Amino acid sequence: GMKWLLFGTLYPAYYSYKAVKTKNVKEYVRWMMYWIVFALYTVVETITDLTLAWFPLYYELKIAFVIWLLSPYTRGASLIYRKCLHPLLSSREREIDEYIVQAKERSYETMVNFGKQGLSIAATAAVTAAVKVSVSCFSQQ
């Protein structure tokens, strides 16, 4: 709902603006980490909303998770970024860059034709990857 949007998006956006304005590098890095984690979370959430919405306390758990991500005490977003996303992205960076170049080279039309079927395949792949990452990250601790 609305509260969710304000809390997960507008609040961090405002503090990101402040970090950019004051050129506070530490805050800047902190909020960039948050946005990277939040982007991944949004993809995962889209799918979990379809499959887990019936789960008791699902909505409350989502809010609790975002509070954990945002909190200056837990620094959840920084933790997930440093432990999982950064190592994963840096190990796959070249592949991802090549994939992006190839995707750009292919015409816009093929992307459109790829359409909904491709999206669902991509979404499934993204969630599978996210689950694997989470499992490997938290088993390392």
C-alpha atoms as a PDB file:
ATOM      1  CA  GLY A   1       0.000   0.000   0.000  1.00  0.00           C
ATOM      2  CA  MET A   2       0.728   3.709   0.227  1.00  0.00           C
ATOM      3  CA  LYS A   3       2.552   3.625   3.576  1.00  0.00           C
ATOM      4  CA  TRP A   4       4.831   1.012   2.084  1.00  0.00           C
ATOM      5  CA  LEU A   5       5.705   3.212  -0.893  1.00  0.00           C
ATOM      6  CA  LEU A   6       6.436   6.230   1.304  1.00  0.00           C
ATOM      7  CA  PHE A   7       8.600   4.249   3.650  1.00  0.00           C
ATOM      8  CA  GLY A   8      10.542   2.055   1.236  1.00  0.00           C
ATOM      9  CA  THR A   9      10.978   4.632  -1.522  1.00  0.00           C
ATOM     10  CA  LEU A  10      10.359   8.274  -0.657  1.00  0.00           C
ATOM     11  CA  TYR A  11      12.186   8.291   2.675  1.00  0.00           C
ATOM     12  CA  PRO A  12      15.379   6.766   1.187  1.00  0.00           C
ATOM     13  CA  ALA A  13      15.018   8.970  -1.908  1.00  0.00           C
ATOM     14  CA  TYR A  14      14.959  12.097   0.254  1.00  0.00           C
ATOM     15  CA  TYR A  15      18.039  11.016   2.198  1.00  0.00           C
ATOM     16  CA  SER A  16      19.784  10.107  -1.063  1.00  0.00           C
ATOM     17  CA  TYR A  17      19.045  13.641  -2.258  1.00  0.00           C
ATOM     18  CA  LYS A  18      20.552  15.038   0.952  1.00  0.00           C
ATOM     19  CA  ALA A  19      23.677  12.897   0.499  1.00  0.00           C
ATOM     20  CA  VAL A  20      24.111  14.110  -3.085  1.00  0.00           C
ATOM     21  CA  LYS A  21      23.471  17.721  -2.074  1.00  0.00           C
ATOM     22  CA  THR A  22      25.954  17.720   0.810  1.00  0.00           C
ATOM     23  CA  LYS A  23      28.393  15.511  -1.171  1.00  0.00           C
ATOM     24  CA  ASN A  24      28.624  13.263   1.880  1.00  0.00           C
ATOM     25  CA  VAL A  25      30.458  10.270   0.404  1.00  0.00           C
ATOM     26  CA  LYS A  26      29.764   7.927   3.309  1.00  0.00           C
ATOM     27  CA  GLU A  27      26.010   8.556   3.165  1.00  0.00           C
ATOM     28  CA  TYR A  28      26.120   8.431  -0.620  1.00  0.00           C
ATOM     29  CA  VAL A  29      27.644   4.952  -0.566  1.00  0.00           C
ATOM     30  CA  ARG A  30      25.198   3.818   2.111  1.00  0.00           C
ATOM     31  CA  TRP A  31      22.157   4.878   0.058  1.00  0.00           C
ATOM     32  CA  MET A  32      23.559   3.494  -3.196  1.00  0.00           C
ATOM     33  CA  MET A  33      23.880   0.116  -1.460  1.00  0.00           C
ATOM     34  CA  TYR A  34      20.293   0.468  -0.260  1.00  0.00           C
ATOM     35  CA  TRP A  35      18.989   1.128  -3.799  1.00  0.00           C
ATOM     36  CA  ILE A  36      20.850  -1.839  -5.257  1.00  0.00           C
ATOM     37  CA  VAL A  37      19.429  -4.139  -2.575  1.00  0.00           C
ATOM     38  CA  PHE A  38      15.982  -2.534  -2.887  1.00  0.00           C
ATOM     39  CA  ALA A  39      15.949  -3.107  -6.668  1.00  0.00           C
ATOM     40  CA  LEU A  40      16.641  -6.813  -6.167  1.00  0.00           C
ATOM     41  CA  TYR A  41      14.104  -6.947  -3.341  1.00  0.00           C
ATOM     42  CA  THR A  42      11.429  -5.370  -5.568  1.00  0.00           C
ATOM     43  CA  VAL A  43      11.903  -8.107  -8.181  1.00  0.00           C
ATOM     44  CA  VAL A  44      11.690 -10.836  -5.537  1.00  0.00           C
ATOM     45  CA  GLU A  45       8.723  -9.142  -3.848  1.00  0.00           C
ATOM     46  CA  THR A  46       6.741  -9.036  -7.099  1.00  0.00           C
ATOM     47  CA  ILE A  47       6.888 -12.816  -7.242  1.00  0.00           C
ATOM     48  CA  THR A  48       6.444 -13.476  -3.518  1.00  0.00           C
ATOM     49  CA  ASP A  49       3.351 -11.226  -3.579  1.00  0.00           C
ATOM     50  CA  LEU A  50       1.800 -13.628  -6.061  1.00  0.00           C
ATOM     51  CA  THR A  51       2.759 -16.754  -4.135  1.00  0.00           C
ATOM     52  CA  LEU A  52       2.940 -15.795  -0.449  1.00  0.00           C
ATOM     53  CA  ALA A  53       0.289 -13.098  -0.027  1.00  0.00           C
ATOM     54  CA  TRP A  54      -1.922 -15.612   1.810  1.00  0.00           C
ATOM     55  CA  PHE A  55       0.775 -16.180   4.430  1.00  0.00           C
ATOM     56  CA  PRO A  56      -0.191 -14.802   7.890  1.00  0.00           C
ATOM     57  CA  LEU A  57       1.770 -11.652   8.807  1.00  0.00           C
ATOM     58  CA  TYR A  58       3.249 -11.501   5.273  1.00  0.00           C
ATOM     59  CA  TYR A  59       2.682  -7.750   4.979  1.00  0.00           C
ATOM     60  CA  GLU A  60       4.094  -7.110   8.475  1.00  0.00           C
ATOM     61  CA  LEU A  61       7.164  -9.197   7.662  1.00  0.00           C
ATOM     62  CA  LYS A  62       7.759  -7.146   4.514  1.00  0.00           C
ATOM     63  CA  ILE A  63       7.619  -3.906   6.494  1.00  0.00           C
ATOM     64  CA  ALA A  64       9.889  -5.345   9.171  1.00  0.00           C
ATOM     65  CA  PHE A  65      12.375  -6.343   6.468  1.00  0.00           C
ATOM     66  CA  VAL A  66      12.460  -2.851   4.963  1.00  0.00           C
ATOM     67  CA  ILE A  67      12.889  -1.336   8.447  1.00  0.00           C
ATOM     68  CA  TRP A  68      15.816  -3.726   8.918  1.00  0.00           C
ATOM     69  CA  LEU A  69      17.262  -2.656   5.539  1.00  0.00           C
ATOM     70  CA  LEU A  70      16.898   1.037   6.362  1.00  0.00           C
ATOM     71  CA  SER A  71      17.825   1.150  10.013  1.00  0.00           C
ATOM     72  CA  PRO A  72      21.081   2.936  10.848  1.00  0.00           C
ATOM     73  CA  TYR A  73      21.472   0.443  13.713  1.00  0.00           C
ATOM     74  CA  THR A  74      21.172  -2.793  11.738  1.00  0.00           C
ATOM     75  CA  ARG A  75      22.450  -1.420   8.397  1.00  0.00           C
ATOM     76  CA  GLY A  76      20.729  -4.377   6.753  1.00  0.00           C
ATOM     77  CA  ALA A  77      21.126  -3.071   3.208  1.00  0.00           C
ATOM     78  CA  SER A  78      24.887  -2.552   3.642  1.00  0.00           C
ATOM     79  CA  LEU A  79      25.219  -6.006   5.165  1.00  0.00           C
ATOM     80  CA  ILE A  80      23.388  -7.744   2.299  1.00  0.00           C
ATOM     81  CA  TYR A  81      25.296  -5.656  -0.228  1.00  0.00           C
ATOM     82  CA  ARG A  82      28.737  -6.356   1.234  1.00  0.00           C
ATOM     83  CA  LYS A  83      28.192 -10.033   2.066  1.00  0.00           C
ATOM     84  CA  CYS A  84      26.226 -11.100  -1.009  1.00  0.00           C
ATOM     85  CA  LEU A  85      25.649  -8.667  -3.819  1.00  0.00           C
ATOM     86  CA  HIS A  86      29.091  -7.126  -4.161  1.00  0.00           C
ATOM     87  CA  PRO A  87      30.983 -10.448  -4.380  1.00  0.00           C
ATOM     88  CA  LEU A  88      28.315 -11.887  -6.677  1.00  0.00           C
ATOM     89  CA  LEU A  89      28.243  -8.879  -9.019  1.00  0.00           C
ATOM     90  CA  SER A  90      32.010  -8.474  -9.180  1.00  0.00           C
ATOM     91  CA  SER A  91      32.440 -12.154 -10.048  1.00  0.00           C
ATOM     92  CA  ARG A  92      29.794 -11.885 -12.798  1.00  0.00           C
ATOM     93  CA  GLU A  93      30.465  -8.314 -13.927  1.00  0.00           C
ATOM     94  CA  ARG A  94      32.085  -9.145 -17.264  1.00  0.00           C
ATOM     95  CA  GLU A  95      29.310 -11.614 -18.211  1.00  0.00           C
ATOM     96  CA  ILE A  96      26.624  -9.094 -17.270  1.00  0.00           C
ATOM     97  CA  ASP A  97      28.300  -6.312 -19.270  1.00  0.00           C
ATOM     98  CA  GLU A  98      28.577  -8.585 -22.319  1.00  0.00           C
ATOM     99  CA  TYR A  99      24.943  -9.607 -21.951  1.00  0.00           C
ATOM    100  CA  ILE A 100      23.857  -5.948 -21.811  1.00  0.00           C
ATOM    101  CA  VAL A 101      25.879  -5.124 -24.942  1.00  0.00           C
ATOM    102  CA  GLN A 102      24.321  -8.093 -26.793  1.00  0.00           C
ATOM    103  CA  ALA A 103      20.843  -7.122 -25.622  1.00  0.00           C
ATOM    104  CA  LYS A 104      21.368  -3.568 -26.901  1.00  0.00           C
ATOM    105  CA  GLU A 105      22.631  -4.853 -30.252  1.00  0.00           C
ATOM    106  CA  ARG A 106      19.580  -7.017 -30.796  1.00  0.00           C
ATOM    107  CA  SER A 107      16.759  -5.009 -32.210  1.00  0.00           C
ATOM    108  CA  TYR A 108      13.997  -3.530 -30.108  1.00  0.00           C
ATOM    109  CA  GLU A 109      11.511  -5.665 -32.051  1.00  0.00           C
ATOM    110  CA  THR A 110      12.928  -8.979 -30.878  1.00  0.00           C
ATOM    111  CA  MET A 111      12.692  -7.665 -27.318  1.00  0.00           C
ATOM    112  CA  VAL A 112       9.008  -6.876 -27.838  1.00  0.00           C
ATOM    113  CA  ASN A 113       8.336 -10.262 -29.450  1.00  0.00           C
ATOM    114  CA  PHE A 114      10.177 -11.872 -26.549  1.00  0.00           C
ATOM    115  CA  GLY A 115       7.356 -10.380 -24.532  1.00  0.00           C
ATOM    116  CA  LYS A 116       5.479 -11.854 -21.638  1.00  0.00           C
ATOM    117  CA  GLN A 117       6.832 -15.374 -21.902  1.00  0.00           C
ATOM    118  CA  GLY A 118      10.372 -14.039 -21.617  1.00  0.00           C
ATOM    119  CA  LEU A 119       9.421 -11.905 -18.636  1.00  0.00           C
ATOM    120  CA  SER A 120       8.065 -14.828 -16.692  1.00  0.00           C
ATOM    121  CA  ILE A 121      11.166 -16.880 -17.516  1.00  0.00           C
ATOM    122  CA  ALA A 122      13.401 -13.971 -16.449  1.00  0.00           C
ATOM    123  CA  ALA A 123      11.398 -13.469 -13.254  1.00  0.00           C
ATOM    124  CA  THR A 124      11.663 -17.150 -12.354  1.00  0.00           C
ATOM    125  CA  ALA A 125      15.401 -17.084 -13.062  1.00  0.00           C
ATOM    126  CA  ALA A 126      15.819 -13.946 -10.955  1.00  0.00           C
ATOM    127  CA  VAL A 127      14.025 -15.484  -7.979  1.00  0.00           C
ATOM    128  CA  THR A 128      15.923 -18.754  -8.270  1.00  0.00           C
ATOM    129  CA  ALA A 129      19.171 -16.781  -8.324  1.00  0.00           C
ATOM    130  CA  ALA A 130      18.065 -14.597  -5.403  1.00  0.00           C
ATOM    131  CA  VAL A 131      17.143 -17.653  -3.329  1.00  0.00           C
ATOM    132  CA  LYS A 132      20.491 -19.318  -4.088  1.00  0.00           C
ATOM    133  CA  VAL A 133      22.346 -16.119  -3.188  1.00  0.00           C
ATOM    134  CA  SER A 134      20.424 -15.714   0.084  1.00  0.00           C
ATOM    135  CA  VAL A 135      21.067 -19.312   1.044  1.00  0.00           C
ATOM    136  CA  SER A 136      24.789 -19.065   0.284  1.00  0.00           C
ATOM    137  CA  CYS A 137      25.098 -15.675   1.976  1.00  0.00           C
ATOM    138  CA  PHE A 138      23.449 -16.603   5.201  1.00  0.00           C
ATOM    139  CA  SER A 139      25.105 -20.011   5.442  1.00  0.00           C
ATOM    140  CA  GLN A 140      28.496 -18.234   5.299  1.00  0.00           C
ATOM    141  CA  GLN A 141      27.849 -16.314   8.502  1.00  0.00           C
END
